[in-house]
């Protein structure tokens, strides 16, 4: 599990503000599951989705997501992983490929997390932020993510990466404003899965 606890440039969980928040959350709970749920709900509810709230700047690094209190789904997953790792809970990154407008093309990757709990194993959670048509919850062992696959070119990938995909990080770092990235959201077509080692999840 060591690779899912590492600190990195993007998942900079040893940043003082992240450690402070992680400890503050953990002090209120006794079990790893309760701490994990609290971290998930904090990121889901306290960090504003960049598109939903049209907030700048465009963030990527976990400490920046916390500093500016905003981020796209990918960035929010970076902060959640950092808070979990700071509490010694292994955390990784998962992706779906979704229709941006819920009607086919264009498509984009969607980022969320998987975390490991001894009594449960790997459990996927999506902290992108709830709204009228999104209700992501932490209710193990049941999985309740933000989105379900609807179209043939959409996909749910079984990978749990220890670091965010490079195509995601590069996209987030290439722009500074929430709307600049809209025409360049990271995507991996189903024909290019092998390039990024993505494996389709069995239905």
N, C-alpha and C. Protein backbone atom coordinates (compact mmCIF):
# COMPACT_ATOMS: atom_id res chain seq x y z
N UNK A 1 0.81 -1.21 0.00
CA UNK A 1 0.00 0.00 0.00
C UNK A 1 0.86 1.28 0.00
N UNK A 2 2.15 1.12 0.08
CA UNK A 2 3.03 2.29 0.24
C UNK A 2 2.85 3.31 -0.87
N UNK A 3 2.66 2.85 -2.11
CA UNK A 3 2.54 3.80 -3.22
C UNK A 3 1.27 4.64 -3.11
N UNK A 4 0.28 4.16 -2.36
CA UNK A 4 -0.96 4.91 -2.19
C UNK A 4 -0.93 5.81 -0.96
N UNK A 5 0.26 5.94 -0.37
CA UNK A 5 0.45 6.83 0.78
C UNK A 5 1.53 7.87 0.51
N UNK A 6 2.08 7.85 -0.68
CA UNK A 6 3.22 8.72 -1.00
C UNK A 6 2.82 10.19 -1.11
N UNK A 7 3.80 11.04 -0.85
CA UNK A 7 3.67 12.47 -1.10
C UNK A 7 4.28 12.75 -2.47
N UNK A 8 3.72 13.70 -3.21
CA UNK A 8 4.23 14.05 -4.53
C UNK A 8 3.98 15.53 -4.78
N UNK A 9 4.38 15.99 -5.94
CA UNK A 9 4.19 17.40 -6.27
C UNK A 9 2.72 17.78 -6.28
N UNK A 10 1.88 16.91 -6.80
CA UNK A 10 0.45 17.21 -6.88
C UNK A 10 -0.27 16.81 -5.59
N UNK A 11 0.08 15.65 -5.05
CA UNK A 11 -0.53 15.19 -3.81
C UNK A 11 0.42 15.53 -2.66
N UNK A 12 0.51 16.81 -2.38
CA UNK A 12 1.49 17.32 -1.41
C UNK A 12 0.90 17.30 0.00
N UNK A 13 0.60 16.09 0.48
CA UNK A 13 -0.13 15.96 1.73
C UNK A 13 0.67 16.38 2.96
N UNK A 14 1.97 16.55 2.82
CA UNK A 14 2.77 17.02 3.95
C UNK A 14 2.78 18.54 4.08
N UNK A 15 2.02 19.22 3.22
CA UNK A 15 1.88 20.67 3.35
C UNK A 15 1.22 20.98 4.70
N UNK A 16 1.70 21.98 5.41
CA UNK A 16 1.17 22.27 6.76
C UNK A 16 -0.33 22.45 6.83
N UNK A 17 -0.94 23.10 5.83
CA UNK A 17 -2.38 23.33 5.89
C UNK A 17 -3.18 22.04 5.73
N UNK A 18 -2.64 21.12 4.94
CA UNK A 18 -3.31 19.83 4.76
C UNK A 18 -3.18 18.98 6.02
N UNK A 19 -1.99 18.94 6.59
CA UNK A 19 -1.80 18.19 7.83
C UNK A 19 -2.69 18.74 8.94
N UNK A 20 -2.78 20.06 9.03
CA UNK A 20 -3.61 20.69 10.05
C UNK A 20 -5.08 20.29 9.91
N UNK A 21 -5.60 20.34 8.69
CA UNK A 21 -6.99 19.98 8.46
C UNK A 21 -7.21 18.49 8.69
N UNK A 22 -6.28 17.67 8.22
CA UNK A 22 -6.41 16.22 8.39
C UNK A 22 -6.48 15.85 9.86
N UNK A 23 -5.63 16.47 10.68
CA UNK A 23 -5.63 16.20 12.12
C UNK A 23 -6.91 16.70 12.76
N UNK A 24 -7.36 17.87 12.33
CA UNK A 24 -8.59 18.45 12.89
C UNK A 24 -9.78 17.53 12.63
N UNK A 25 -9.85 16.98 11.42
CA UNK A 25 -10.95 16.06 11.09
C UNK A 25 -10.82 14.78 11.90
N UNK A 26 -9.61 14.23 11.97
CA UNK A 26 -9.39 12.94 12.62
C UNK A 26 -9.67 12.99 14.12
N UNK A 27 -9.45 14.12 14.75
CA UNK A 27 -9.64 14.24 16.21
C UNK A 27 -11.08 14.00 16.63
N UNK A 28 -12.00 14.17 15.70
CA UNK A 28 -13.43 14.07 16.03
C UNK A 28 -13.95 12.63 15.91
N UNK A 29 -13.11 11.72 15.38
CA UNK A 29 -13.61 10.37 15.11
C UNK A 29 -12.63 9.32 15.61
N UNK A 30 -13.14 8.11 15.84
CA UNK A 30 -12.32 7.06 16.43
C UNK A 30 -11.89 5.98 15.43
N UNK A 31 -12.65 5.77 14.37
CA UNK A 31 -12.33 4.69 13.43
C UNK A 31 -11.84 5.26 12.10
N UNK A 32 -11.07 4.43 11.39
CA UNK A 32 -10.60 4.85 10.07
C UNK A 32 -11.76 5.10 9.12
N UNK A 33 -12.79 4.28 9.21
CA UNK A 33 -13.94 4.46 8.33
C UNK A 33 -14.62 5.81 8.58
N UNK A 34 -14.76 6.17 9.85
CA UNK A 34 -15.39 7.45 10.19
C UNK A 34 -14.53 8.62 9.74
N UNK A 35 -13.22 8.49 9.89
CA UNK A 35 -12.31 9.55 9.45
C UNK A 35 -12.37 9.69 7.93
N UNK A 36 -12.37 8.56 7.23
CA UNK A 36 -12.43 8.58 5.76
C UNK A 36 -13.72 9.24 5.29
N UNK A 37 -14.83 8.89 5.92
CA UNK A 37 -16.12 9.48 5.55
C UNK A 37 -16.11 10.98 5.79
N UNK A 38 -15.55 11.40 6.91
CA UNK A 38 -15.50 12.83 7.23
C UNK A 38 -14.63 13.60 6.24
N UNK A 39 -13.52 13.02 5.85
CA UNK A 39 -12.64 13.66 4.85
C UNK A 39 -13.39 13.79 3.53
N UNK A 40 -14.05 12.71 3.12
CA UNK A 40 -14.82 12.72 1.88
C UNK A 40 -15.89 13.81 1.91
N UNK A 41 -16.67 13.85 2.96
CA UNK A 41 -17.76 14.82 3.03
C UNK A 41 -17.25 16.25 3.11
N UNK A 42 -16.09 16.43 3.74
CA UNK A 42 -15.53 17.78 3.82
C UNK A 42 -15.16 18.29 2.43
N UNK A 43 -14.45 17.46 1.66
CA UNK A 43 -14.06 17.88 0.31
C UNK A 43 -15.28 18.03 -0.58
N UNK A 44 -16.21 17.09 -0.49
CA UNK A 44 -17.42 17.16 -1.31
C UNK A 44 -18.19 18.45 -1.07
N UNK A 45 -18.32 18.83 0.21
CA UNK A 45 -19.22 19.93 0.57
C UNK A 45 -18.55 21.28 0.76
N UNK A 46 -17.26 21.29 1.11
CA UNK A 46 -16.59 22.56 1.43
C UNK A 46 -15.73 23.10 0.30
N UNK A 47 -15.39 22.27 -0.67
CA UNK A 47 -14.64 22.73 -1.83
C UNK A 47 -15.61 22.87 -2.99
N UNK A 48 -15.66 24.05 -3.58
CA UNK A 48 -16.66 24.34 -4.61
C UNK A 48 -16.18 23.91 -5.99
N UNK A 49 -17.03 23.16 -6.67
CA UNK A 49 -16.69 22.69 -8.01
C UNK A 49 -16.54 23.90 -8.95
N UNK A 50 -15.41 23.98 -9.62
CA UNK A 50 -15.06 25.16 -10.42
C UNK A 50 -16.12 25.50 -11.45
N UNK A 51 -16.67 24.48 -12.10
CA UNK A 51 -17.68 24.74 -13.13
C UNK A 51 -19.02 25.14 -12.50
N UNK A 52 -19.42 24.40 -11.49
CA UNK A 52 -20.72 24.68 -10.86
C UNK A 52 -20.79 26.11 -10.34
N UNK A 53 -19.69 26.58 -9.77
CA UNK A 53 -19.67 27.90 -9.12
C UNK A 53 -18.90 28.95 -9.93
N UNK A 54 -18.36 28.53 -11.08
CA UNK A 54 -17.61 29.43 -11.97
C UNK A 54 -16.54 30.20 -11.19
N UNK A 55 -15.72 29.42 -10.48
CA UNK A 55 -14.71 29.99 -9.58
C UNK A 55 -13.30 29.83 -10.12
N UNK A 56 -12.50 30.84 -9.90
CA UNK A 56 -11.08 30.83 -10.20
C UNK A 56 -10.29 30.89 -8.90
N UNK A 57 -8.98 30.53 -8.96
CA UNK A 57 -8.25 30.05 -10.13
C UNK A 57 -8.49 28.56 -10.38
N UNK A 58 -8.03 28.09 -11.52
CA UNK A 58 -8.08 26.67 -11.84
C UNK A 58 -6.98 25.97 -11.05
N UNK A 59 -7.35 25.03 -10.20
CA UNK A 59 -6.39 24.41 -9.29
C UNK A 59 -6.04 22.98 -9.71
N UNK A 60 -4.92 22.51 -9.20
CA UNK A 60 -4.47 21.14 -9.46
C UNK A 60 -3.84 20.55 -8.21
N UNK A 61 -2.81 21.20 -7.68
CA UNK A 61 -2.11 20.71 -6.48
C UNK A 61 -3.05 20.71 -5.28
N UNK A 62 -2.97 19.67 -4.48
CA UNK A 62 -3.89 19.51 -3.35
C UNK A 62 -3.90 20.73 -2.44
N UNK A 63 -2.73 21.26 -2.10
CA UNK A 63 -2.67 22.41 -1.20
C UNK A 63 -3.31 23.65 -1.81
N UNK A 64 -3.26 23.78 -3.14
CA UNK A 64 -3.91 24.91 -3.81
C UNK A 64 -5.42 24.76 -3.80
N UNK A 65 -5.89 23.53 -3.95
CA UNK A 65 -7.33 23.28 -3.88
C UNK A 65 -7.85 23.71 -2.51
N UNK A 66 -7.11 23.37 -1.47
CA UNK A 66 -7.50 23.76 -0.12
C UNK A 66 -7.39 25.28 0.06
N UNK A 67 -6.35 25.88 -0.45
CA UNK A 67 -6.13 27.32 -0.29
C UNK A 67 -7.26 28.14 -0.92
N UNK A 68 -7.63 27.75 -2.15
CA UNK A 68 -8.61 28.55 -2.89
C UNK A 68 -10.03 28.01 -2.76
N UNK A 69 -10.19 26.85 -2.13
CA UNK A 69 -11.51 26.26 -1.85
C UNK A 69 -12.31 25.97 -3.13
N UNK A 70 -11.61 25.68 -4.23
CA UNK A 70 -12.30 25.36 -5.48
C UNK A 70 -11.47 24.42 -6.32
N UNK A 71 -12.15 23.69 -7.21
CA UNK A 71 -11.44 22.79 -8.11
C UNK A 71 -12.43 21.98 -8.94
N UNK A 72 -11.98 21.55 -10.10
CA UNK A 72 -12.76 20.59 -10.88
C UNK A 72 -12.71 19.23 -10.16
N UNK A 73 -13.46 18.27 -10.65
CA UNK A 73 -13.52 16.95 -10.01
C UNK A 73 -12.13 16.39 -9.77
N UNK A 74 -11.25 16.54 -10.76
CA UNK A 74 -9.89 16.00 -10.65
C UNK A 74 -9.16 16.61 -9.46
N UNK A 75 -9.21 17.94 -9.39
CA UNK A 75 -8.51 18.66 -8.33
C UNK A 75 -9.08 18.29 -6.96
N UNK A 76 -10.39 18.15 -6.87
CA UNK A 76 -11.00 17.76 -5.61
C UNK A 76 -10.54 16.36 -5.20
N UNK A 77 -10.36 15.48 -6.18
CA UNK A 77 -9.86 14.14 -5.85
C UNK A 77 -8.42 14.20 -5.36
N UNK A 78 -7.65 15.18 -5.84
CA UNK A 78 -6.26 15.34 -5.38
C UNK A 78 -6.24 15.73 -3.90
N UNK A 79 -7.12 16.65 -3.53
CA UNK A 79 -7.17 17.07 -2.12
C UNK A 79 -7.68 15.95 -1.23
N UNK A 80 -8.71 15.24 -1.67
CA UNK A 80 -9.22 14.15 -0.85
C UNK A 80 -8.15 13.09 -0.62
N UNK A 81 -7.42 12.75 -1.66
CA UNK A 81 -6.33 11.78 -1.51
C UNK A 81 -5.30 12.28 -0.51
N UNK A 82 -4.99 13.56 -0.57
CA UNK A 82 -4.00 14.14 0.35
C UNK A 82 -4.47 14.07 1.80
N UNK A 83 -5.73 14.40 2.05
CA UNK A 83 -6.27 14.34 3.41
C UNK A 83 -6.29 12.90 3.93
N UNK A 84 -6.66 11.97 3.07
CA UNK A 84 -6.68 10.57 3.47
C UNK A 84 -5.28 10.07 3.76
N UNK A 85 -4.34 10.37 2.89
CA UNK A 85 -2.96 9.91 3.09
C UNK A 85 -2.36 10.53 4.35
N UNK A 86 -2.71 11.78 4.62
CA UNK A 86 -2.23 12.44 5.84
C UNK A 86 -2.74 11.74 7.09
N UNK A 87 -3.85 11.04 6.95
CA UNK A 87 -4.40 10.25 8.04
C UNK A 87 -4.06 8.76 7.91
N UNK A 88 -3.06 8.47 7.09
CA UNK A 88 -2.54 7.11 6.90
C UNK A 88 -3.58 6.16 6.32
N UNK A 89 -4.45 6.69 5.48
CA UNK A 89 -5.44 5.88 4.77
C UNK A 89 -5.04 5.84 3.31
N UNK A 90 -4.70 4.68 2.77
CA UNK A 90 -4.28 4.59 1.36
C UNK A 90 -5.38 5.12 0.43
N UNK A 91 -4.97 5.92 -0.54
CA UNK A 91 -5.94 6.52 -1.46
C UNK A 91 -5.36 6.58 -2.86
N UNK A 92 -6.21 6.31 -3.84
CA UNK A 92 -5.79 6.36 -5.24
C UNK A 92 -6.80 7.09 -6.09
N UNK A 93 -6.60 7.02 -7.40
CA UNK A 93 -7.38 7.81 -8.34
C UNK A 93 -8.07 6.91 -9.36
N UNK A 94 -9.35 7.21 -9.60
CA UNK A 94 -10.16 6.45 -10.54
C UNK A 94 -10.75 7.41 -11.58
N UNK A 95 -11.15 6.84 -12.71
CA UNK A 95 -11.68 7.68 -13.78
C UNK A 95 -12.83 7.00 -14.49
N UNK A 96 -13.73 7.83 -14.96
CA UNK A 96 -14.77 7.44 -15.90
C UNK A 96 -14.61 8.31 -17.14
N UNK A 97 -15.18 7.85 -18.25
CA UNK A 97 -15.30 8.68 -19.45
C UNK A 97 -16.77 8.97 -19.64
N UNK A 98 -17.12 10.26 -19.63
CA UNK A 98 -18.53 10.65 -19.63
C UNK A 98 -18.82 11.66 -20.72
N UNK A 99 -20.07 11.65 -21.17
CA UNK A 99 -20.54 12.68 -22.09
C UNK A 99 -20.65 14.00 -21.33
N UNK A 100 -20.03 15.04 -21.85
CA UNK A 100 -20.02 16.33 -21.16
C UNK A 100 -21.42 16.91 -21.03
N UNK A 101 -22.22 16.77 -22.09
CA UNK A 101 -23.56 17.36 -22.09
C UNK A 101 -24.68 16.34 -21.94
N UNK A 102 -24.31 15.12 -21.57
CA UNK A 102 -25.29 14.04 -21.38
C UNK A 102 -26.08 13.72 -22.65
N UNK A 103 -25.44 13.89 -23.81
CA UNK A 103 -26.13 13.54 -25.06
C UNK A 103 -25.16 13.05 -26.13
N UNK A 104 -24.12 12.36 -25.70
CA UNK A 104 -23.12 11.89 -26.66
C UNK A 104 -21.91 12.81 -26.71
N UNK A 105 -21.29 12.95 -27.87
CA UNK A 105 -20.10 13.78 -27.99
C UNK A 105 -20.38 15.23 -27.59
N UNK A 106 -19.39 15.94 -27.05
CA UNK A 106 -18.03 15.51 -26.71
C UNK A 106 -17.98 14.77 -25.37
N UNK A 107 -16.84 14.10 -25.16
CA UNK A 107 -16.63 13.33 -23.93
C UNK A 107 -15.44 13.89 -23.16
N UNK A 108 -15.41 13.57 -21.87
CA UNK A 108 -14.29 13.97 -21.02
C UNK A 108 -14.09 12.92 -19.94
N UNK A 109 -12.88 12.84 -19.45
CA UNK A 109 -12.64 12.02 -18.27
C UNK A 109 -13.30 12.69 -17.06
N UNK A 110 -13.65 11.89 -16.09
CA UNK A 110 -14.16 12.38 -14.82
C UNK A 110 -13.35 11.70 -13.74
N UNK A 111 -12.83 12.47 -12.78
CA UNK A 111 -11.93 11.92 -11.77
C UNK A 111 -12.56 11.82 -10.40
N UNK A 112 -12.23 10.73 -9.70
CA UNK A 112 -12.69 10.55 -8.32
C UNK A 112 -11.68 9.64 -7.60
N UNK A 113 -12.04 9.08 -6.47
CA UNK A 113 -11.06 8.36 -5.65
C UNK A 113 -11.50 6.94 -5.31
N UNK A 114 -10.49 6.16 -4.93
CA UNK A 114 -10.71 4.90 -4.22
C UNK A 114 -9.84 4.96 -2.97
N UNK A 115 -10.37 4.46 -1.88
CA UNK A 115 -9.60 4.43 -0.63
C UNK A 115 -9.66 3.03 -0.06
N UNK A 116 -8.66 2.69 0.75
CA UNK A 116 -8.58 1.32 1.28
C UNK A 116 -8.83 1.33 2.78
N UNK A 117 -9.81 0.52 3.19
CA UNK A 117 -10.12 0.34 4.61
C UNK A 117 -10.02 -1.15 4.93
N UNK A 118 -9.34 -1.52 6.01
CA UNK A 118 -9.09 -2.93 6.32
C UNK A 118 -10.34 -3.80 6.34
N UNK A 119 -11.45 -3.28 6.87
CA UNK A 119 -12.67 -4.08 6.99
C UNK A 119 -13.48 -4.14 5.69
N UNK A 120 -13.14 -3.28 4.73
CA UNK A 120 -13.94 -3.17 3.50
C UNK A 120 -13.14 -3.51 2.26
N UNK A 121 -11.86 -3.14 2.25
CA UNK A 121 -11.04 -3.24 1.05
C UNK A 121 -11.11 -1.93 0.29
N UNK A 122 -10.88 -1.97 -1.01
CA UNK A 122 -10.95 -0.76 -1.83
C UNK A 122 -12.40 -0.32 -2.00
N UNK A 123 -12.62 0.97 -1.82
CA UNK A 123 -13.97 1.52 -1.90
C UNK A 123 -13.92 2.84 -2.66
N UNK A 124 -14.73 2.97 -3.69
CA UNK A 124 -14.69 4.16 -4.54
C UNK A 124 -15.68 5.23 -4.05
N UNK A 125 -15.21 6.46 -4.03
CA UNK A 125 -16.02 7.60 -3.60
C UNK A 125 -15.81 8.76 -4.56
N UNK A 126 -16.82 9.61 -4.70
CA UNK A 126 -16.77 10.71 -5.66
C UNK A 126 -17.13 12.01 -4.95
N UNK A 127 -16.13 12.86 -4.74
CA UNK A 127 -16.31 14.10 -3.99
C UNK A 127 -16.51 15.32 -4.89
N UNK A 128 -17.00 15.14 -6.13
CA UNK A 128 -17.12 16.27 -7.05
C UNK A 128 -18.06 17.35 -6.55
N UNK A 129 -18.99 16.98 -5.66
CA UNK A 129 -19.95 17.95 -5.13
C UNK A 129 -21.34 17.64 -5.62
N UNK A 130 -22.28 17.55 -4.71
CA UNK A 130 -23.65 17.20 -5.08
C UNK A 130 -24.43 18.41 -5.59
N UNK A 131 -25.45 18.12 -6.38
CA UNK A 131 -26.36 19.14 -6.89
C UNK A 131 -27.66 18.43 -7.23
N UNK A 132 -28.57 19.08 -7.93
CA UNK A 132 -29.89 18.50 -8.16
C UNK A 132 -29.86 17.09 -8.72
N UNK A 133 -28.96 16.83 -9.68
CA UNK A 133 -28.92 15.52 -10.34
C UNK A 133 -27.72 14.69 -9.93
N UNK A 134 -27.06 15.07 -8.85
CA UNK A 134 -25.89 14.34 -8.37
C UNK A 134 -26.03 14.10 -6.86
N UNK A 135 -25.90 12.83 -6.45
CA UNK A 135 -26.02 12.50 -5.03
C UNK A 135 -25.00 11.43 -4.67
N UNK A 136 -23.75 11.84 -4.54
CA UNK A 136 -22.66 10.93 -4.18
C UNK A 136 -22.57 10.83 -2.66
N UNK A 137 -22.47 9.60 -2.16
CA UNK A 137 -22.46 9.37 -0.72
C UNK A 137 -21.39 8.36 -0.32
N UNK A 138 -21.06 8.34 0.96
CA UNK A 138 -20.14 7.37 1.55
C UNK A 138 -20.99 6.38 2.35
N UNK A 139 -21.33 5.26 1.72
CA UNK A 139 -22.21 4.28 2.36
C UNK A 139 -21.70 2.86 2.10
N UNK A 140 -20.46 2.55 2.52
CA UNK A 140 -19.89 1.23 2.25
C UNK A 140 -20.70 0.12 2.93
N UNK A 141 -20.72 -1.06 2.31
CA UNK A 141 -19.97 -1.44 1.10
C UNK A 141 -20.65 -1.01 -0.19
N UNK A 142 -21.84 -0.39 -0.11
CA UNK A 142 -22.50 0.08 -1.33
C UNK A 142 -21.72 1.24 -1.92
N UNK A 143 -21.61 1.24 -3.24
CA UNK A 143 -20.94 2.34 -3.95
C UNK A 143 -21.98 3.31 -4.49
N UNK A 144 -21.84 4.58 -4.15
CA UNK A 144 -22.79 5.58 -4.63
C UNK A 144 -22.02 6.77 -5.20
N UNK A 145 -21.65 6.64 -6.48
CA UNK A 145 -20.87 7.66 -7.16
C UNK A 145 -21.77 8.75 -7.73
N UNK A 146 -21.16 9.76 -8.31
CA UNK A 146 -21.92 10.89 -8.86
C UNK A 146 -22.62 10.53 -10.17
N UNK A 147 -21.98 9.66 -10.99
CA UNK A 147 -22.50 9.40 -12.33
C UNK A 147 -22.55 7.91 -12.64
N UNK A 148 -23.46 7.55 -13.53
CA UNK A 148 -23.55 6.20 -14.07
C UNK A 148 -23.34 6.25 -15.58
N UNK A 149 -22.85 5.16 -16.13
CA UNK A 149 -22.59 5.09 -17.56
C UNK A 149 -23.92 5.00 -18.31
N UNK A 150 -24.07 5.85 -19.36
CA UNK A 150 -25.32 5.90 -20.11
C UNK A 150 -25.16 5.63 -21.61
N UNK A 151 -24.00 5.97 -22.17
CA UNK A 151 -23.81 5.90 -23.62
C UNK A 151 -22.71 4.92 -23.99
N UNK A 152 -22.75 4.37 -25.23
CA UNK A 152 -21.76 3.38 -25.65
C UNK A 152 -20.31 3.85 -25.55
N UNK A 153 -20.06 5.14 -25.80
CA UNK A 153 -18.68 5.64 -25.76
C UNK A 153 -18.27 6.13 -24.37
N UNK A 154 -19.16 6.01 -23.40
CA UNK A 154 -18.79 6.28 -22.02
C UNK A 154 -18.13 5.03 -21.44
N UNK A 155 -17.40 5.19 -20.36
CA UNK A 155 -16.70 4.03 -19.79
C UNK A 155 -16.41 4.25 -18.32
N UNK A 156 -16.36 3.14 -17.60
CA UNK A 156 -15.97 3.12 -16.20
C UNK A 156 -14.72 2.25 -16.13
N UNK A 157 -13.63 2.80 -15.63
CA UNK A 157 -12.35 2.09 -15.64
C UNK A 157 -12.07 1.47 -14.28
N UNK A 158 -11.51 0.27 -14.28
CA UNK A 158 -11.28 -0.44 -13.03
C UNK A 158 -9.98 -0.04 -12.35
N UNK A 159 -9.13 0.69 -13.03
CA UNK A 159 -7.83 1.07 -12.46
C UNK A 159 -7.97 1.89 -11.19
N UNK A 160 -7.04 1.66 -10.27
CA UNK A 160 -6.85 2.55 -9.12
C UNK A 160 -5.39 2.99 -9.19
N UNK A 161 -5.17 4.20 -9.70
CA UNK A 161 -3.83 4.73 -9.89
C UNK A 161 -3.32 5.35 -8.59
N UNK A 162 -2.02 5.23 -8.36
CA UNK A 162 -1.44 5.85 -7.17
C UNK A 162 -1.16 7.34 -7.38
N UNK A 163 -1.10 7.76 -8.64
CA UNK A 163 -0.92 9.17 -8.98
C UNK A 163 -1.94 9.54 -10.06
N UNK A 164 -2.34 10.80 -10.12
CA UNK A 164 -3.29 11.21 -11.17
C UNK A 164 -2.70 10.98 -12.56
N UNK A 165 -3.57 10.73 -13.53
CA UNK A 165 -3.11 10.57 -14.91
C UNK A 165 -2.41 11.83 -15.39
N UNK A 166 -1.34 11.65 -16.14
CA UNK A 166 -0.57 12.79 -16.64
C UNK A 166 -1.41 13.70 -17.52
N UNK A 167 -2.32 13.12 -18.31
CA UNK A 167 -3.15 13.92 -19.20
C UNK A 167 -4.06 14.87 -18.40
N UNK A 168 -4.44 14.44 -17.21
CA UNK A 168 -5.27 15.27 -16.33
C UNK A 168 -4.44 16.40 -15.73
N UNK A 169 -3.30 16.06 -15.19
CA UNK A 169 -2.43 17.07 -14.56
C UNK A 169 -2.00 18.11 -15.58
N UNK A 170 -1.63 17.67 -16.76
CA UNK A 170 -1.19 18.60 -17.80
C UNK A 170 -2.30 19.56 -18.21
N UNK A 171 -3.52 19.05 -18.30
CA UNK A 171 -4.66 19.90 -18.67
C UNK A 171 -4.92 20.96 -17.59
N UNK A 172 -4.89 20.55 -16.33
CA UNK A 172 -5.15 21.49 -15.25
C UNK A 172 -4.06 22.54 -15.12
N UNK A 173 -2.84 22.15 -15.40
CA UNK A 173 -1.72 23.08 -15.27
C UNK A 173 -1.55 24.01 -16.47
N UNK A 174 -2.26 23.71 -17.56
CA UNK A 174 -2.11 24.51 -18.78
C UNK A 174 -2.96 25.77 -18.76
N UNK A 175 -3.92 25.85 -17.84
CA UNK A 175 -4.84 26.99 -17.82
C UNK A 175 -4.95 27.56 -16.41
N UNK A 176 -5.45 28.78 -16.33
CA UNK A 176 -5.57 29.43 -15.03
C UNK A 176 -7.00 29.78 -14.66
N UNK A 177 -7.90 29.81 -15.65
CA UNK A 177 -9.28 30.20 -15.40
C UNK A 177 -10.22 29.02 -15.58
N UNK A 178 -11.32 29.01 -14.82
CA UNK A 178 -12.23 27.86 -14.83
C UNK A 178 -12.80 27.59 -16.22
N UNK A 179 -13.05 28.65 -17.02
CA UNK A 179 -13.68 28.46 -18.33
C UNK A 179 -12.68 28.22 -19.45
N UNK A 180 -11.40 28.47 -19.21
CA UNK A 180 -10.40 28.26 -20.26
C UNK A 180 -10.26 26.78 -20.62
N UNK A 181 -10.51 25.91 -19.66
CA UNK A 181 -10.29 24.49 -19.88
C UNK A 181 -11.50 23.79 -20.52
N UNK A 182 -12.62 24.49 -20.60
CA UNK A 182 -13.87 23.84 -21.03
C UNK A 182 -13.77 23.21 -22.42
N UNK A 183 -13.04 23.84 -23.33
CA UNK A 183 -12.90 23.29 -24.67
C UNK A 183 -11.73 22.31 -24.77
N UNK A 184 -11.04 22.12 -23.65
CA UNK A 184 -9.86 21.25 -23.66
C UNK A 184 -9.84 20.31 -22.45
N UNK A 185 -11.00 19.86 -22.05
CA UNK A 185 -11.06 18.92 -20.93
C UNK A 185 -10.35 17.61 -21.30
N UNK A 186 -9.64 17.01 -20.37
CA UNK A 186 -8.88 15.80 -20.69
C UNK A 186 -9.80 14.64 -21.06
N UNK A 187 -9.43 13.94 -22.13
CA UNK A 187 -10.24 12.82 -22.60
C UNK A 187 -9.32 11.73 -23.12
N UNK A 188 -9.76 10.50 -22.98
CA UNK A 188 -9.07 9.34 -23.56
C UNK A 188 -10.12 8.54 -24.31
N UNK A 189 -10.02 8.51 -25.63
CA UNK A 189 -10.99 7.75 -26.41
C UNK A 189 -10.84 6.26 -26.12
N UNK A 190 -11.87 5.49 -26.40
CA UNK A 190 -11.82 4.06 -26.13
C UNK A 190 -10.77 3.36 -27.00
N UNK A 191 -10.33 4.02 -28.07
CA UNK A 191 -9.29 3.46 -28.92
C UNK A 191 -7.89 3.68 -28.35
N UNK A 192 -7.76 4.57 -27.36
CA UNK A 192 -6.45 4.90 -26.82
C UNK A 192 -6.25 4.41 -25.38
N UNK A 193 -7.06 3.49 -24.94
CA UNK A 193 -6.99 3.03 -23.56
C UNK A 193 -5.63 2.44 -23.22
N UNK A 194 -5.07 1.70 -24.17
CA UNK A 194 -3.80 1.01 -23.91
C UNK A 194 -2.68 2.00 -23.62
N UNK A 195 -2.71 3.15 -24.28
CA UNK A 195 -1.67 4.16 -24.08
C UNK A 195 -1.61 4.62 -22.63
N UNK A 196 -2.76 4.67 -21.98
CA UNK A 196 -2.81 5.15 -20.60
C UNK A 196 -3.06 4.02 -19.60
N UNK A 197 -2.92 2.78 -20.07
CA UNK A 197 -3.09 1.60 -19.23
C UNK A 197 -4.46 1.54 -18.56
N UNK A 198 -5.47 2.08 -19.23
CA UNK A 198 -6.81 2.05 -18.68
C UNK A 198 -7.50 0.74 -19.03
N UNK A 199 -8.19 0.18 -18.06
CA UNK A 199 -8.87 -1.10 -18.23
C UNK A 199 -10.36 -0.89 -17.97
N UNK A 200 -11.18 -1.31 -18.93
CA UNK A 200 -12.62 -1.15 -18.78
C UNK A 200 -13.15 -2.01 -17.63
N UNK A 201 -14.01 -1.43 -16.86
CA UNK A 201 -14.62 -2.15 -15.74
C UNK A 201 -15.76 -3.02 -16.24
N UNK A 202 -15.81 -4.25 -15.80
CA UNK A 202 -16.86 -5.16 -16.22
C UNK A 202 -18.19 -4.70 -15.62
N UNK A 203 -19.23 -4.77 -16.40
CA UNK A 203 -20.55 -4.34 -15.92
C UNK A 203 -21.15 -5.38 -14.97
